[in-house]
Amino acid sequence: MSQQVKNRAALRAATRAYRLRLVLARILRYLLLSLGLVIMVFPFYWMISSAFKTAAEMNLFPPSLAPRNWFNLDNFRIAFEKAPFARYFLNSVLVMLGSVTATAFTTILAAFAFSRLRFRGRELLFSLLLSMMMVPFEMLIITNYQTIINIGLNDTLYALILPFISSIFYTYILRNFFQSLPDGLYWSARVDGCTNWKYLWKVMVPIARPSLVTIILLNALASWNSFMWPLLVIKSDLMRTLPFGLYTFTTEVGANYELLMAASSVVVLPMVLLFLFARKQIVRGVARGGIKG
């Protein structure tokens, strides 16, 4: 009888120890997640709070975490007076729409060709294209810049769109999604007299809408935030996009960090809101596109 009591006591002790380990592990996990949250969110908080600070507050040491007046909008007013942000916004929207439209069209065609059409060397060609993803964009800047100069598109919005009308990564995502569709669907449509072109746009594209939305969102974010390429090919002030327009406050006007933070808040806010509303769609589309392949 005493042995059974000891066994039950040992079992209860082991259960309590196991539950304690689970609680400690959960607490540690939440602490790490909270730390990561602070690290990622703090730069955005610092940018927004600095947008409401005065020049004197920006030069304080140690720096203050919050402005004295959260309703100080002078920095935003001065920033819009110093630079034509309305024109920069229009340029960014035009470049984003052009890049997204062209990239979506070429991605759909390439993904369909590499997933459904049978031709010699298809897998080898696609493998070579995938290997090009290891080449950083910085290594292609000189070649792309020379090409833009030779065709006379320097200092135009077309120069910001042309090098980005296709993407291997987006093609990879959509191709894997197309390959996950059953072959019987394709051959049934072909037997009914559906051409490849009609099957692509009437059947595959509507089914692949989640992956397409993800591709469009990712491309829009990348196009909106582009800085290095516009810095090289855009010379006139009226052709600048919003990220390049921020350069105004570090060169032409000087290092006015309170103005820079105010302008940065205006530039970043649309993409932050877009990501917050579409984050689940982005993750779901990338996950579905990466299942097969």
C-alpha atoms as a PDB file:
ATOM      1  CA  MET A   1       0.000   0.000   0.000  1.00  0.00           C
ATOM      2  CA  SER A   2       2.813   2.341   0.901  1.00  0.00           C
ATOM      3  CA  GLN A   3       4.486   1.615  -2.459  1.00  0.00           C
ATOM      4  CA  GLN A   4       1.350   2.664  -4.323  1.00  0.00           C
ATOM      5  CA  VAL A   5       1.217   5.882  -2.338  1.00  0.00           C
ATOM      6  CA  LYS A   6       4.840   6.564  -3.215  1.00  0.00           C
ATOM      7  CA  ASN A   7       4.178   5.880  -6.894  1.00  0.00           C
ATOM      8  CA  ARG A   8       1.204   8.232  -6.906  1.00  0.00           C
ATOM      9  CA  ALA A   9       3.232  10.922  -5.170  1.00  0.00           C
ATOM     10  CA  ALA A  10       6.043  10.480  -7.670  1.00  0.00           C
ATOM     11  CA  LEU A  11       3.555  10.656 -10.538  1.00  0.00           C
ATOM     12  CA  ARG A  12       2.024  13.865  -9.165  1.00  0.00           C
ATOM     13  CA  ALA A  13       5.473  15.360  -8.683  1.00  0.00           C
ATOM     14  CA  ALA A  14       6.455  14.447 -12.249  1.00  0.00           C
ATOM     15  CA  THR A  15       3.203  15.914 -13.563  1.00  0.00           C
ATOM     16  CA  ARG A  16       3.765  19.159 -11.665  1.00  0.00           C
ATOM     17  CA  ALA A  17       7.335  19.356 -12.935  1.00  0.00           C
ATOM     18  CA  TYR A  18       6.158  18.740 -16.522  1.00  0.00           C
ATOM     19  CA  ARG A  19       3.478  21.426 -16.241  1.00  0.00           C
ATOM     20  CA  LEU A  20       6.011  23.818 -14.727  1.00  0.00           C
ATOM     21  CA  ARG A  21       8.361  23.219 -17.665  1.00  0.00           C
ATOM     22  CA  LEU A  22       5.509  23.882 -20.094  1.00  0.00           C
ATOM     23  CA  VAL A  23       4.667  27.144 -18.337  1.00  0.00           C
ATOM     24  CA  LEU A  24       8.298  28.251 -18.265  1.00  0.00           C
ATOM     25  CA  ALA A  25       8.736  27.362 -21.935  1.00  0.00           C
ATOM     26  CA  ARG A  26       5.612  29.329 -22.832  1.00  0.00           C
ATOM     27  CA  ILE A  27       6.776  32.321 -20.792  1.00  0.00           C
ATOM     28  CA  LEU A  28      10.204  32.204 -22.447  1.00  0.00           C
ATOM     29  CA  ARG A  29       8.598  31.962 -25.884  1.00  0.00           C
ATOM     30  CA  TYR A  30       6.382  34.969 -25.259  1.00  0.00           C
ATOM     31  CA  LEU A  31       9.312  36.936 -23.856  1.00  0.00           C
ATOM     32  CA  LEU A  32      11.360  36.264 -26.987  1.00  0.00           C
ATOM     33  CA  LEU A  33       8.409  37.162 -29.208  1.00  0.00           C
ATOM     34  CA  SER A  34       7.850  40.353 -27.243  1.00  0.00           C
ATOM     35  CA  LEU A  35      11.526  41.257 -27.562  1.00  0.00           C
ATOM     36  CA  GLY A  36      11.371  40.675 -31.320  1.00  0.00           C
ATOM     37  CA  LEU A  37       8.219  42.792 -31.500  1.00  0.00           C
ATOM     38  CA  VAL A  38       9.934  45.682 -29.726  1.00  0.00           C
ATOM     39  CA  ILE A  39      12.999  45.436 -31.956  1.00  0.00           C
ATOM     40  CA  MET A  40      10.890  45.524 -35.127  1.00  0.00           C
ATOM     41  CA  VAL A  41       8.354  48.133 -34.056  1.00  0.00           C
ATOM     42  CA  PHE A  42      10.696  50.583 -32.329  1.00  0.00           C
ATOM     43  CA  PRO A  43      12.211  52.017 -35.576  1.00  0.00           C
ATOM     44  CA  PHE A  44       8.724  52.841 -36.834  1.00  0.00           C
ATOM     45  CA  TYR A  45       7.788  54.405 -33.494  1.00  0.00           C
ATOM     46  CA  TRP A  46      10.999  56.453 -33.496  1.00  0.00           C
ATOM     47  CA  MET A  47      10.317  57.678 -37.022  1.00  0.00           C
ATOM     48  CA  ILE A  48       6.733  58.695 -36.245  1.00  0.00           C
ATOM     49  CA  SER A  49       7.552  60.298 -32.898  1.00  0.00           C
ATOM     50  CA  SER A  50      10.492  62.198 -34.409  1.00  0.00           C
ATOM     51  CA  ALA A  51       8.169  63.586 -37.078  1.00  0.00           C
ATOM     52  CA  PHE A  52       6.434  65.615 -34.349  1.00  0.00           C
ATOM     53  CA  LYS A  53       9.618  66.846 -32.654  1.00  0.00           C
ATOM     54  CA  THR A  54      11.226  70.235 -33.102  1.00  0.00           C
ATOM     55  CA  ALA A  55      14.816  70.709 -34.227  1.00  0.00           C
ATOM     56  CA  ALA A  56      15.841  71.376 -30.622  1.00  0.00           C
ATOM     57  CA  GLU A  57      14.226  68.130 -29.446  1.00  0.00           C
ATOM     58  CA  MET A  58      16.043  66.167 -32.156  1.00  0.00           C
ATOM     59  CA  ASN A  59      19.397  67.428 -30.837  1.00  0.00           C
ATOM     60  CA  LEU A  60      18.764  66.525 -27.202  1.00  0.00           C
ATOM     61  CA  PHE A  61      21.135  64.104 -25.492  1.00  0.00           C
ATOM     62  CA  PRO A  62      20.081  61.707 -24.248  1.00  0.00           C
ATOM     63  CA  PRO A  63      17.305  61.717 -26.830  1.00  0.00           C
ATOM     64  CA  SER A  64      13.681  61.862 -25.722  1.00  0.00           C
ATOM     65  CA  LEU A  65      11.436  58.950 -26.606  1.00  0.00           C
ATOM     66  CA  ALA A  66       8.355  61.096 -27.167  1.00  0.00           C
ATOM     67  CA  PRO A  67       7.792  64.616 -28.477  1.00  0.00           C
ATOM     68  CA  ARG A  68       6.549  67.312 -26.164  1.00  0.00           C
ATOM     69  CA  ASN A  69       3.641  68.038 -28.488  1.00  0.00           C
ATOM     70  CA  TRP A  70       2.083  65.183 -30.455  1.00  0.00           C
ATOM     71  CA  PHE A  71      -0.016  67.699 -32.401  1.00  0.00           C
ATOM     72  CA  ASN A  72       2.952  69.596 -33.835  1.00  0.00           C
ATOM     73  CA  LEU A  73       2.388  69.436 -37.602  1.00  0.00           C
ATOM     74  CA  ASP A  74       4.956  72.059 -38.588  1.00  0.00           C
ATOM     75  CA  ASN A  75       7.404  69.441 -39.876  1.00  0.00           C
ATOM     76  CA  PHE A  76       4.817  68.021 -42.270  1.00  0.00           C
ATOM     77  CA  ARG A  77       3.891  71.485 -43.529  1.00  0.00           C
ATOM     78  CA  ILE A  78       7.526  72.486 -44.110  1.00  0.00           C
ATOM     79  CA  ALA A  79       8.333  69.146 -45.746  1.00  0.00           C
ATOM     80  CA  PHE A  80       5.537  69.570 -48.283  1.00  0.00           C
ATOM     81  CA  GLU A  81       6.705  73.110 -48.978  1.00  0.00           C
ATOM     82  CA  LYS A  82      10.323  72.078 -49.545  1.00  0.00           C
ATOM     83  CA  ALA A  83       9.587  69.260 -51.992  1.00  0.00           C
ATOM     84  CA  PRO A  84       6.743  68.551 -54.477  1.00  0.00           C
ATOM     85  CA  PHE A  85       5.488  65.436 -52.727  1.00  0.00           C
ATOM     86  CA  ALA A  86       2.289  65.396 -54.750  1.00  0.00           C
ATOM     87  CA  ARG A  87       4.362  64.932 -57.921  1.00  0.00           C
ATOM     88  CA  TYR A  88       6.572  62.345 -56.192  1.00  0.00           C
ATOM     89  CA  PHE A  89       3.467  60.453 -55.103  1.00  0.00           C
ATOM     90  CA  LEU A  90       2.073  60.462 -58.645  1.00  0.00           C
ATOM     91  CA  ASN A  91       5.386  59.215 -60.044  1.00  0.00           C
ATOM     92  CA  SER A  92       5.521  56.405 -57.477  1.00  0.00           C
ATOM     93  CA  VAL A  93       1.957  55.354 -58.281  1.00  0.00           C
ATOM     94  CA  LEU A  94       2.613  55.336 -62.045  1.00  0.00           C
ATOM     95  CA  VAL A  95       5.822  53.340 -61.657  1.00  0.00           C
ATOM     96  CA  MET A  96       4.157  50.891 -59.288  1.00  0.00           C
ATOM     97  CA  LEU A  97       1.159  50.346 -61.583  1.00  0.00           C
ATOM     98  CA  GLY A  98       3.373  49.907 -64.641  1.00  0.00           C
ATOM     99  CA  SER A  99       5.724  47.506 -62.901  1.00  0.00           C
ATOM    100  CA  VAL A 100       2.926  45.476 -61.308  1.00  0.00           C
ATOM    101  CA  THR A 101       0.965  45.179 -64.557  1.00  0.00           C
ATOM    102  CA  ALA A 102       3.964  44.167 -66.675  1.00  0.00           C
ATOM    103  CA  THR A 103       5.344  41.769 -64.079  1.00  0.00           C
ATOM    104  CA  ALA A 104       1.993  40.066 -63.511  1.00  0.00           C
ATOM    105  CA  PHE A 105       1.513  39.561 -67.269  1.00  0.00           C
ATOM    106  CA  THR A 106       4.991  38.139 -67.915  1.00  0.00           C
ATOM    107  CA  THR A 107       4.852  36.013 -64.767  1.00  0.00           C
ATOM    108  CA  ILE A 108       1.567  34.410 -65.803  1.00  0.00           C
ATOM    109  CA  LEU A 109       2.855  33.583 -69.279  1.00  0.00           C
ATOM    110  CA  ALA A 110       6.199  32.238 -68.037  1.00  0.00           C
ATOM    111  CA  ALA A 111       4.620  30.183 -65.250  1.00  0.00           C
ATOM    112  CA  PHE A 112       2.162  28.603 -67.685  1.00  0.00           C
ATOM    113  CA  ALA A 113       4.914  27.788 -70.180  1.00  0.00           C
ATOM    114  CA  PHE A 114       7.138  26.148 -67.566  1.00  0.00           C
ATOM    115  CA  SER A 115       4.289  24.235 -65.931  1.00  0.00           C
ATOM    116  CA  ARG A 116       2.069  23.049 -68.817  1.00  0.00           C
ATOM    117  CA  LEU A 117       3.847  23.360 -72.136  1.00  0.00           C
ATOM    118  CA  ARG A 118       6.158  20.527 -73.127  1.00  0.00           C
ATOM    119  CA  PHE A 119       9.321  21.580 -74.928  1.00  0.00           C
ATOM    120  CA  ARG A 120      12.906  20.374 -75.020  1.00  0.00           C
ATOM    121  CA  GLY A 121      15.143  21.732 -72.289  1.00  0.00           C
ATOM    122  CA  ARG A 122      12.300  23.108 -70.208  1.00  0.00           C
ATOM    123  CA  GLU A 123      13.613  21.933 -66.840  1.00  0.00           C
ATOM    124  CA  LEU A 124      17.189  22.898 -67.699  1.00  0.00           C
ATOM    125  CA  LEU A 125      16.150  26.378 -68.770  1.00  0.00           C
ATOM    126  CA  PHE A 126      14.076  26.876 -65.643  1.00  0.00           C
ATOM    127  CA  SER A 127      16.959  25.655 -63.473  1.00  0.00           C
ATOM    128  CA  LEU A 128      19.261  28.164 -65.142  1.00  0.00           C
ATOM    129  CA  LEU A 129      16.746  30.924 -64.483  1.00  0.00           C
ATOM    130  CA  LEU A 130      16.489  29.888 -60.838  1.00  0.00           C
ATOM    131  CA  SER A 131      20.271  29.980 -60.520  1.00  0.00           C
ATOM    132  CA  MET A 132      20.166  33.636 -61.570  1.00  0.00           C
ATOM    133  CA  MET A 133      18.331  34.400 -58.339  1.00  0.00           C
ATOM    134  CA  MET A 134      21.696  34.027 -56.596  1.00  0.00           C
ATOM    135  CA  VAL A 135      23.049  37.000 -58.566  1.00  0.00           C
ATOM    136  CA  PRO A 136      22.419  40.177 -56.536  1.00  0.00           C
ATOM    137  CA  PHE A 137      20.832  43.135 -58.268  1.00  0.00           C
ATOM    138  CA  GLU A 138      23.866  45.295 -57.481  1.00  0.00           C
ATOM    139  CA  MET A 139      25.954  43.222 -59.915  1.00  0.00           C
ATOM    140  CA  LEU A 140      23.531  44.033 -62.746  1.00  0.00           C
ATOM    141  CA  ILE A 141      23.278  47.766 -62.143  1.00  0.00           C
ATOM    142  CA  ILE A 142      26.068  48.764 -64.550  1.00  0.00           C
ATOM    143  CA  THR A 143      24.682  46.609 -67.381  1.00  0.00           C
ATOM    144  CA  ASN A 144      21.134  47.833 -66.816  1.00  0.00           C
ATOM    145  CA  TYR A 145      22.290  51.436 -66.626  1.00  0.00           C
ATOM    146  CA  GLN A 146      24.205  51.163 -69.899  1.00  0.00           C
ATOM    147  CA  THR A 147      21.174  49.614 -71.559  1.00  0.00           C
ATOM    148  CA  ILE A 148      18.906  52.431 -70.366  1.00  0.00           C
ATOM    149  CA  ILE A 149      21.393  55.026 -71.621  1.00  0.00           C
ATOM    150  CA  ASN A 150      21.773  53.340 -75.031  1.00  0.00           C
ATOM    151  CA  ILE A 151      18.018  53.231 -75.696  1.00  0.00           C
ATOM    152  CA  GLY A 152      17.554  56.822 -74.528  1.00  0.00           C
ATOM    153  CA  LEU A 153      15.285  56.239 -71.555  1.00  0.00           C
ATOM    154  CA  ASN A 154      17.479  57.925 -68.967  1.00  0.00           C
ATOM    155  CA  ASP A 155      15.641  60.336 -66.646  1.00  0.00           C
ATOM    156  CA  THR A 156      12.197  58.943 -67.524  1.00  0.00           C
ATOM    157  CA  LEU A 157       9.681  56.874 -65.631  1.00  0.00           C
ATOM    158  CA  TYR A 158      10.076  54.128 -68.241  1.00  0.00           C
ATOM    159  CA  ALA A 159      13.609  53.579 -66.946  1.00  0.00           C
ATOM    160  CA  LEU A 160      12.150  52.707 -63.549  1.00  0.00           C
ATOM    161  CA  ILE A 161       9.772  50.115 -65.033  1.00  0.00           C
ATOM    162  CA  LEU A 162      11.692  48.410 -67.842  1.00  0.00           C
ATOM    163  CA  PRO A 163      14.291  46.484 -65.760  1.00  0.00           C
ATOM    164  CA  PHE A 164      11.546  45.063 -63.528  1.00  0.00           C
ATOM    165  CA  ILE A 165       8.964  43.761 -65.991  1.00  0.00           C
ATOM    166  CA  SER A 166       9.728  40.140 -65.064  1.00  0.00           C
ATOM    167  CA  SER A 167      10.709  38.216 -61.953  1.00  0.00           C
ATOM    168  CA  ILE A 168      12.130  34.726 -61.576  1.00  0.00           C
ATOM    169  CA  PHE A 169      10.972  34.486 -57.973  1.00  0.00           C
ATOM    170  CA  TYR A 170       7.359  35.333 -58.806  1.00  0.00           C
ATOM    171  CA  THR A 171       7.465  32.923 -61.750  1.00  0.00           C
ATOM    172  CA  TYR A 172       8.692  30.207 -59.408  1.00  0.00           C
ATOM    173  CA  ILE A 173       5.803  30.798 -56.993  1.00  0.00           C
ATOM    174  CA  LEU A 174       3.132  30.799 -59.701  1.00  0.00           C
ATOM    175  CA  ARG A 175       4.648  27.866 -61.594  1.00  0.00           C
ATOM    176  CA  ASN A 176       4.505  25.691 -58.483  1.00  0.00           C
ATOM    177  CA  PHE A 177       0.875  26.629 -57.991  1.00  0.00           C
ATOM    178  CA  PHE A 178       0.046  25.822 -61.614  1.00  0.00           C
ATOM    179  CA  GLN A 179       1.783  22.454 -61.261  1.00  0.00           C
ATOM    180  CA  SER A 180      -0.362  21.630 -58.225  1.00  0.00           C
ATOM    181  CA  LEU A 181      -3.478  21.702 -60.422  1.00  0.00           C
ATOM    182  CA  PRO A 182      -4.518  18.252 -61.736  1.00  0.00           C
ATOM    183  CA  ASP A 183      -3.551  17.400 -65.297  1.00  0.00           C
ATOM    184  CA  GLY A 184      -7.054  16.058 -65.883  1.00  0.00           C
ATOM    185  CA  LEU A 185      -8.426  19.586 -65.677  1.00  0.00           C
ATOM    186  CA  TYR A 186      -6.126  20.696 -68.485  1.00  0.00           C
ATOM    187  CA  TRP A 187      -6.814  17.753 -70.772  1.00  0.00           C
ATOM    188  CA  SER A 188     -10.571  17.981 -70.183  1.00  0.00           C
ATOM    189  CA  ALA A 189     -10.498  21.584 -71.299  1.00  0.00           C
ATOM    190  CA  ARG A 190      -8.397  20.681 -74.325  1.00  0.00           C
ATOM    191  CA  VAL A 191     -10.848  17.922 -75.314  1.00  0.00           C
ATOM    192  CA  ASP A 192     -13.678  20.450 -75.121  1.00  0.00           C
ATOM    193  CA  GLY A 193     -11.846  22.597 -77.668  1.00  0.00           C
ATOM    194  CA  CYS A 194     -10.259  25.093 -75.257  1.00  0.00           C
ATOM    195  CA  THR A 195      -6.996  26.557 -76.519  1.00  0.00           C
ATOM    196  CA  ASN A 196      -3.972  27.059 -74.282  1.00  0.00           C
ATOM    197  CA  TRP A 197      -4.529  30.799 -74.283  1.00  0.00           C
ATOM    198  CA  LYS A 198      -8.199  30.489 -73.313  1.00  0.00           C
ATOM    199  CA  TYR A 199      -7.469  27.799 -70.715  1.00  0.00           C
ATOM    200  CA  LEU A 200      -4.844  30.040 -69.110  1.00  0.00           C
ATOM    201  CA  TRP A 201      -7.046  33.103 -68.715  1.00  0.00           C
ATOM    202  CA  LYS A 202     -10.427  31.423 -68.182  1.00  0.00           C
ATOM    203  CA  VAL A 203      -9.403  28.564 -65.884  1.00  0.00           C
ATOM    204  CA  MET A 204      -5.915  28.823 -64.396  1.00  0.00           C
ATOM    205  CA  VAL A 205      -5.752  32.536 -63.645  1.00  0.00           C
ATOM    206  CA  PRO A 206      -9.048  32.619 -61.675  1.00  0.00           C
ATOM    207  CA  ILE A 207      -7.978  29.549 -59.690  1.00  0.00           C
ATOM    208  CA  ALA A 208      -4.546  31.061 -58.996  1.00  0.00           C
ATOM    209  CA  ARG A 209      -5.999  34.328 -57.696  1.00  0.00           C
ATOM    210  CA  PRO A 210      -4.499  33.938 -54.156  1.00  0.00           C
ATOM    211  CA  SER A 211      -0.982  33.497 -55.522  1.00  0.00           C
ATOM    212  CA  LEU A 212      -1.487  36.308 -58.023  1.00  0.00           C
ATOM    213  CA  VAL A 213      -2.646  38.671 -55.292  1.00  0.00           C
ATOM    214  CA  THR A 214       0.464  37.791 -53.287  1.00  0.00           C
ATOM    215  CA  ILE A 215       2.718  38.441 -56.270  1.00  0.00           C
ATOM    216  CA  ILE A 216       1.042  41.776 -56.959  1.00  0.00           C
ATOM    217  CA  LEU A 217       1.346  42.868 -53.328  1.00  0.00           C
ATOM    218  CA  LEU A 218       5.007  41.889 -53.039  1.00  0.00           C
ATOM    219  CA  ASN A 219       5.811  43.592 -56.315  1.00  0.00           C
ATOM    220  CA  ALA A 220       3.955  46.725 -55.250  1.00  0.00           C
ATOM    221  CA  LEU A 221       5.933  46.876 -52.008  1.00  0.00           C
ATOM    222  CA  ALA A 222       9.244  46.418 -53.802  1.00  0.00           C
ATOM    223  CA  SER A 223       8.419  49.010 -56.457  1.00  0.00           C
ATOM    224  CA  TRP A 224       7.209  51.573 -53.928  1.00  0.00           C
ATOM    225  CA  ASN A 225      10.318  51.225 -51.741  1.00  0.00           C
ATOM    226  CA  SER A 226      12.880  51.223 -54.552  1.00  0.00           C
ATOM    227  CA  PHE A 227      15.640  53.774 -53.970  1.00  0.00           C
ATOM    228  CA  MET A 228      18.979  52.742 -55.478  1.00  0.00           C
ATOM    229  CA  TRP A 229      17.815  52.406 -59.084  1.00  0.00           C
ATOM    230  CA  PRO A 230      15.906  55.753 -59.204  1.00  0.00           C
ATOM    231  CA  LEU A 231      18.956  57.393 -57.631  1.00  0.00           C
ATOM    232  CA  LEU A 232      21.029  56.330 -60.640  1.00  0.00           C
ATOM    233  CA  VAL A 233      18.709  56.916 -63.582  1.00  0.00           C
ATOM    234  CA  ILE A 234      16.651  59.929 -62.460  1.00  0.00           C
ATOM    235  CA  LYS A 235      18.287  63.351 -62.753  1.00  0.00           C
ATOM    236  CA  SER A 236      15.489  65.923 -62.780  1.00  0.00           C
ATOM    237  CA  ASP A 237      13.610  66.766 -59.609  1.00  0.00           C
ATOM    238  CA  LEU A 238      10.120  66.301 -61.081  1.00  0.00           C
ATOM    239  CA  MET A 239      10.866  62.710 -62.102  1.00  0.00           C
ATOM    240  CA  ARG A 240      11.703  61.529 -58.600  1.00  0.00           C
ATOM    241  CA  THR A 241       9.678  58.948 -56.732  1.00  0.00           C
ATOM    242  CA  LEU A 242       8.809  59.206 -53.058  1.00  0.00           C
ATOM    243  CA  PRO A 243      11.790  57.275 -51.582  1.00  0.00           C
ATOM    244  CA  PHE A 244      14.205  59.224 -53.796  1.00  0.00           C
ATOM    245  CA  GLY A 245      12.364  62.417 -52.903  1.00  0.00           C
ATOM    246  CA  LEU A 246      13.463  61.958 -49.290  1.00  0.00           C
ATOM    247  CA  TYR A 247      16.990  62.595 -50.523  1.00  0.00           C
ATOM    248  CA  THR A 248      16.005  66.256 -50.712  1.00  0.00           C
ATOM    249  CA  PHE A 249      16.319  66.661 -46.961  1.00  0.00           C
ATOM    250  CA  THR A 250      19.891  65.351 -46.832  1.00  0.00           C
ATOM    251  CA  THR A 251      21.415  67.148 -49.817  1.00  0.00           C
ATOM    252  CA  GLU A 252      19.582  70.220 -51.050  1.00  0.00           C
ATOM    253  CA  VAL A 253      18.173  71.433 -47.744  1.00  0.00           C
ATOM    254  CA  GLY A 254      20.670  69.848 -45.379  1.00  0.00           C
ATOM    255  CA  ALA A 255      20.393  67.228 -42.695  1.00  0.00           C
ATOM    256  CA  ASN A 256      17.025  68.298 -41.277  1.00  0.00           C
ATOM    257  CA  TYR A 257      16.187  65.054 -39.545  1.00  0.00           C
ATOM    258  CA  GLU A 258      12.838  66.219 -38.169  1.00  0.00           C
ATOM    259  CA  LEU A 259      11.719  67.029 -41.724  1.00  0.00           C
ATOM    260  CA  LEU A 260      13.190  63.778 -42.995  1.00  0.00           C
ATOM    261  CA  MET A 261      11.247  61.799 -40.396  1.00  0.00           C
ATOM    262  CA  ALA A 262       8.017  63.621 -41.246  1.00  0.00           C
ATOM    263  CA  ALA A 263       8.443  62.943 -44.939  1.00  0.00           C
ATOM    264  CA  SER A 264       9.460  59.320 -44.257  1.00  0.00           C
ATOM    265  CA  SER A 265       6.287  58.787 -42.256  1.00  0.00           C
ATOM    266  CA  VAL A 266       4.213  59.953 -45.220  1.00  0.00           C
ATOM    267  CA  VAL A 267       6.142  57.663 -47.592  1.00  0.00           C
ATOM    268  CA  VAL A 268       6.085  54.560 -45.409  1.00  0.00           C
ATOM    269  CA  LEU A 269       2.518  54.781 -44.079  1.00  0.00           C
ATOM    270  CA  PRO A 270       0.707  53.534 -47.263  1.00  0.00           C
ATOM    271  CA  MET A 271       2.875  50.417 -47.513  1.00  0.00           C
ATOM    272  CA  VAL A 272       2.617  49.700 -43.785  1.00  0.00           C
ATOM    273  CA  LEU A 273      -1.174  49.836 -43.995  1.00  0.00           C
ATOM    274  CA  LEU A 274      -1.144  47.680 -47.125  1.00  0.00           C
ATOM    275  CA  PHE A 275       1.014  45.073 -45.415  1.00  0.00           C
ATOM    276  CA  LEU A 276      -1.092  45.049 -42.248  1.00  0.00           C
ATOM    277  CA  PHE A 277      -4.280  44.431 -44.216  1.00  0.00           C
ATOM    278  CA  ALA A 278      -2.735  41.909 -46.635  1.00  0.00           C
ATOM    279  CA  ARG A 279      -0.164  40.078 -44.478  1.00  0.00           C
ATOM    280  CA  LYS A 280      -2.248  36.898 -44.226  1.00  0.00           C
ATOM    281  CA  GLN A 281      -2.814  36.890 -47.971  1.00  0.00           C
ATOM    282  CA  ILE A 282       0.927  37.299 -48.620  1.00  0.00           C
ATOM    283  CA  VAL A 283       1.916  34.449 -46.296  1.00  0.00           C
ATOM    284  CA  ARG A 284      -0.846  32.169 -47.609  1.00  0.00           C
ATOM    285  CA  GLY A 285       0.071  32.799 -51.250  1.00  0.00           C
ATOM    286  CA  VAL A 286       3.789  32.202 -50.722  1.00  0.00           C
ATOM    287  CA  ALA A 287       3.083  29.032 -48.739  1.00  0.00           C
ATOM    288  CA  ARG A 288       0.721  27.647 -51.362  1.00  0.00           C
ATOM    289  CA  GLY A 289       3.136  28.487 -54.145  1.00  0.00           C
ATOM    290  CA  GLY A 290       6.033  26.787 -52.374  1.00  0.00           C
ATOM    291  CA  ILE A 291       4.335  23.495 -51.574  1.00  0.00           C
ATOM    292  CA  LYS A 292       5.293  21.771 -54.791  1.00  0.00           C
ATOM    293  CA  GLY A 293       8.515  22.118 -56.739  1.00  0.00           C
END
